[in-house]
C-alpha cells in the first residue's frame, strides 16, 4: 500500500508534467517483452515520445544523511 506522502509525490510529478504540456500518469504498466512488464510509479512522455519513469523512494535519514548518500556525494 502506498503512503499518502508517496501518492502526493506521484500527483505532483503528474501535475507539473501535464502543466508543461506532457502526458503523464501514475502506476503505469509497460511491456518489456512478450510476457513481462514493469510497473512505474509515474511515467511522463515528453517531446519526441521520450518516456521517463519515476520511482518514488522515501526513507528517513539523520542530519548527516545515510552513508550511501554521503558516499555518492563524495564522488561528485
N, C-alpha and C. Protein backbone atom coordinates (compact mmCIF):
# COMPACT_ATOMS: atom_id res chain seq x y z
N UNK A 1 0.83 -1.18 0.00
CA UNK A 1 0.00 0.00 0.00
C UNK A 1 0.88 1.25 0.00
N UNK A 2 0.51 2.21 -0.80
CA UNK A 2 1.28 3.44 -0.91
C UNK A 2 0.90 4.43 0.19
N UNK A 3 1.91 5.09 0.73
CA UNK A 3 1.64 6.10 1.75
C UNK A 3 1.05 7.35 1.11
N UNK A 4 0.43 8.18 1.91
CA UNK A 4 -0.12 9.44 1.41
C UNK A 4 1.00 10.32 0.86
N UNK A 5 2.16 10.28 1.49
CA UNK A 5 3.30 11.08 1.02
C UNK A 5 3.77 10.58 -0.34
N UNK A 6 3.84 9.28 -0.51
CA UNK A 6 4.23 8.68 -1.79
C UNK A 6 3.26 9.12 -2.89
N UNK A 7 1.97 9.01 -2.61
CA UNK A 7 0.94 9.42 -3.58
C UNK A 7 1.04 10.91 -3.90
N UNK A 8 1.36 11.73 -2.91
CA UNK A 8 1.49 13.17 -3.13
C UNK A 8 2.64 13.47 -4.10
N UNK A 9 3.74 12.76 -3.95
CA UNK A 9 4.86 12.95 -4.89
C UNK A 9 4.45 12.54 -6.30
N UNK A 10 3.75 11.43 -6.42
CA UNK A 10 3.27 10.99 -7.73
C UNK A 10 2.36 12.05 -8.35
N UNK A 11 1.41 12.53 -7.58
CA UNK A 11 0.46 13.54 -8.08
C UNK A 11 1.18 14.81 -8.49
N UNK A 12 2.19 15.20 -7.74
CA UNK A 12 2.93 16.42 -8.06
C UNK A 12 3.68 16.27 -9.38
N UNK A 13 4.32 15.13 -9.58
CA UNK A 13 5.04 14.90 -10.83
C UNK A 13 4.08 14.93 -12.01
N UNK A 14 2.92 14.27 -11.88
CA UNK A 14 1.92 14.27 -12.95
C UNK A 14 1.43 15.70 -13.20
N UNK A 15 1.09 16.42 -12.15
CA UNK A 15 0.55 17.78 -12.28
C UNK A 15 1.53 18.70 -13.01
N UNK A 16 2.78 18.71 -12.58
CA UNK A 16 3.79 19.59 -13.18
C UNK A 16 4.05 19.19 -14.64
N UNK A 17 4.10 17.90 -14.90
CA UNK A 17 4.36 17.43 -16.27
C UNK A 17 3.23 17.82 -17.22
N UNK A 18 1.99 17.59 -16.79
CA UNK A 18 0.83 17.92 -17.62
C UNK A 18 0.75 19.44 -17.82
N UNK A 19 1.02 20.21 -16.78
CA UNK A 19 1.00 21.68 -16.89
C UNK A 19 2.04 22.17 -17.89
N UNK A 20 3.11 21.39 -18.07
CA UNK A 20 4.16 21.75 -19.02
C UNK A 20 3.90 21.18 -20.41
N UNK A 21 2.74 20.54 -20.59
CA UNK A 21 2.35 20.06 -21.92
C UNK A 21 2.70 18.62 -22.23
N UNK A 22 3.08 17.85 -21.22
CA UNK A 22 3.44 16.45 -21.44
C UNK A 22 2.30 15.53 -21.01
N UNK A 23 2.35 14.29 -21.48
CA UNK A 23 1.42 13.27 -21.00
C UNK A 23 2.05 12.61 -19.79
N UNK A 24 1.26 12.32 -18.78
CA UNK A 24 1.79 11.68 -17.58
C UNK A 24 0.69 10.91 -16.87
N UNK A 25 1.10 9.83 -16.19
CA UNK A 25 0.15 9.03 -15.42
C UNK A 25 0.93 8.26 -14.36
N UNK A 26 0.22 7.78 -13.35
CA UNK A 26 0.84 7.02 -12.26
C UNK A 26 0.46 5.55 -12.34
N UNK A 27 1.32 4.72 -11.76
CA UNK A 27 1.12 3.27 -11.70
C UNK A 27 0.89 2.69 -13.10
N UNK A 28 1.84 2.96 -13.98
CA UNK A 28 1.74 2.56 -15.39
C UNK A 28 2.49 1.24 -15.61
N UNK A 29 1.82 0.29 -16.25
CA UNK A 29 2.46 -0.97 -16.64
C UNK A 29 2.95 -0.83 -18.08
N UNK A 30 4.24 -1.14 -18.27
CA UNK A 30 4.86 -1.03 -19.59
C UNK A 30 5.41 -2.39 -19.99
N UNK A 31 5.03 -2.88 -21.17
CA UNK A 31 5.57 -4.17 -21.61
C UNK A 31 7.08 -4.08 -21.86
N UNK A 32 7.82 -5.10 -21.43
CA UNK A 32 9.25 -5.17 -21.68
C UNK A 32 9.62 -6.47 -22.38
N UNK A 33 8.64 -7.18 -22.82
CA UNK A 33 8.84 -8.45 -23.52
C UNK A 33 7.49 -9.04 -23.86
N UNK A 34 7.51 -10.19 -24.47
CA UNK A 34 6.25 -10.79 -24.89
C UNK A 34 5.33 -11.17 -23.72
N UNK A 35 5.92 -11.49 -22.56
CA UNK A 35 5.09 -11.89 -21.42
C UNK A 35 5.52 -11.21 -20.12
N UNK A 36 6.20 -10.10 -20.21
CA UNK A 36 6.64 -9.43 -18.99
C UNK A 36 6.42 -7.93 -19.09
N UNK A 37 6.38 -7.30 -17.92
CA UNK A 37 6.13 -5.87 -17.86
C UNK A 37 6.76 -5.31 -16.60
N UNK A 38 6.90 -3.98 -16.56
CA UNK A 38 7.34 -3.29 -15.35
C UNK A 38 6.25 -2.29 -14.99
N UNK A 39 6.12 -2.03 -13.72
CA UNK A 39 5.16 -1.01 -13.27
C UNK A 39 5.96 0.16 -12.72
N UNK A 40 5.72 1.33 -13.27
CA UNK A 40 6.42 2.54 -12.89
C UNK A 40 5.52 3.40 -12.02
N UNK A 41 6.08 3.96 -10.96
CA UNK A 41 5.28 4.83 -10.09
C UNK A 41 4.63 5.95 -10.90
N UNK A 42 5.42 6.65 -11.70
CA UNK A 42 4.90 7.73 -12.54
C UNK A 42 5.67 7.71 -13.86
N UNK A 43 4.94 7.81 -14.96
CA UNK A 43 5.55 7.80 -16.28
C UNK A 43 5.18 9.08 -17.01
N UNK A 44 6.20 9.78 -17.52
CA UNK A 44 6.00 11.04 -18.24
C UNK A 44 6.47 10.81 -19.67
N UNK A 45 5.63 11.22 -20.64
CA UNK A 45 6.02 11.16 -22.04
C UNK A 45 6.27 12.59 -22.51
N UNK A 46 7.51 12.86 -22.88
CA UNK A 46 7.91 14.20 -23.27
C UNK A 46 8.01 14.37 -24.77
N UNK A 47 8.73 15.39 -25.15
CA UNK A 47 8.92 15.73 -26.55
C UNK A 47 9.50 14.55 -27.33
N UNK A 48 9.01 14.34 -28.52
CA UNK A 48 9.51 13.28 -29.37
C UNK A 48 9.18 11.88 -28.88
N UNK A 49 8.25 11.76 -27.93
CA UNK A 49 7.85 10.46 -27.42
C UNK A 49 8.78 9.88 -26.38
N UNK A 50 9.77 10.66 -25.94
CA UNK A 50 10.69 10.17 -24.90
C UNK A 50 9.92 9.94 -23.62
N UNK A 51 10.11 8.76 -23.02
CA UNK A 51 9.41 8.42 -21.78
C UNK A 51 10.40 8.38 -20.63
N UNK A 52 10.00 8.97 -19.52
CA UNK A 52 10.81 8.97 -18.31
C UNK A 52 9.97 8.38 -17.19
N UNK A 53 10.47 7.33 -16.58
CA UNK A 53 9.78 6.70 -15.46
C UNK A 53 10.36 7.19 -14.14
N UNK A 54 9.48 7.50 -13.21
CA UNK A 54 9.88 7.96 -11.88
C UNK A 54 9.53 6.88 -10.87
N UNK A 55 10.48 6.52 -10.03
CA UNK A 55 10.26 5.61 -8.93
C UNK A 55 10.44 6.41 -7.64
N UNK A 56 9.39 6.57 -6.90
CA UNK A 56 9.42 7.35 -5.67
C UNK A 56 10.01 6.48 -4.56
N UNK A 57 11.09 6.94 -3.94
CA UNK A 57 11.72 6.22 -2.84
C UNK A 57 11.80 7.15 -1.64
N UNK A 58 11.09 6.81 -0.58
CA UNK A 58 11.10 7.61 0.63
C UNK A 58 11.85 6.86 1.72
N UNK A 59 12.73 7.57 2.39
CA UNK A 59 13.44 6.96 3.53
C UNK A 59 13.83 8.07 4.48
N UNK A 60 14.03 7.71 5.71
CA UNK A 60 14.46 8.70 6.69
C UNK A 60 15.98 8.68 6.76
N UNK A 61 16.54 9.82 7.04
CA UNK A 61 17.99 9.93 7.16
C UNK A 61 18.30 10.91 8.27
N UNK A 62 19.35 10.64 8.98
CA UNK A 62 19.77 11.55 10.04
C UNK A 62 20.27 12.86 9.45
N UNK A 63 20.65 13.75 10.33
CA UNK A 63 21.12 15.07 9.90
C UNK A 63 22.30 14.98 8.95
N UNK A 64 23.14 14.00 9.17
CA UNK A 64 24.31 13.81 8.31
C UNK A 64 23.99 12.99 7.07
N UNK A 65 22.81 12.38 7.03
CA UNK A 65 22.43 11.56 5.89
C UNK A 65 22.97 10.16 6.01
N UNK A 66 22.37 9.22 5.29
CA UNK A 66 22.86 7.85 5.33
C UNK A 66 24.22 7.75 4.65
N UNK A 67 24.98 6.72 4.98
CA UNK A 67 26.32 6.55 4.40
C UNK A 67 26.28 6.51 2.88
N UNK A 68 25.24 5.88 2.30
CA UNK A 68 25.19 5.77 0.84
C UNK A 68 25.06 7.13 0.18
N UNK A 69 24.33 8.05 0.81
CA UNK A 69 24.17 9.39 0.25
C UNK A 69 25.49 10.15 0.35
N UNK A 70 26.15 10.05 1.49
CA UNK A 70 27.44 10.74 1.66
C UNK A 70 28.48 10.18 0.69
N UNK A 71 28.46 8.87 0.49
CA UNK A 71 29.41 8.26 -0.44
C UNK A 71 29.17 8.76 -1.87
N UNK A 72 27.91 8.82 -2.28
CA UNK A 72 27.56 9.29 -3.62
C UNK A 72 27.97 10.75 -3.79
N UNK A 73 27.69 11.57 -2.79
CA UNK A 73 28.04 13.00 -2.86
C UNK A 73 29.55 13.18 -2.94
N UNK A 74 30.31 12.31 -2.30
CA UNK A 74 31.76 12.40 -2.32
C UNK A 74 32.38 12.07 -3.66
N UNK A 75 31.62 11.40 -4.51
CA UNK A 75 32.13 11.02 -5.84
C UNK A 75 32.05 12.17 -6.84
N UNK A 76 31.23 13.18 -6.53
CA UNK A 76 30.98 14.28 -7.46
C UNK A 76 32.12 15.18 -7.56
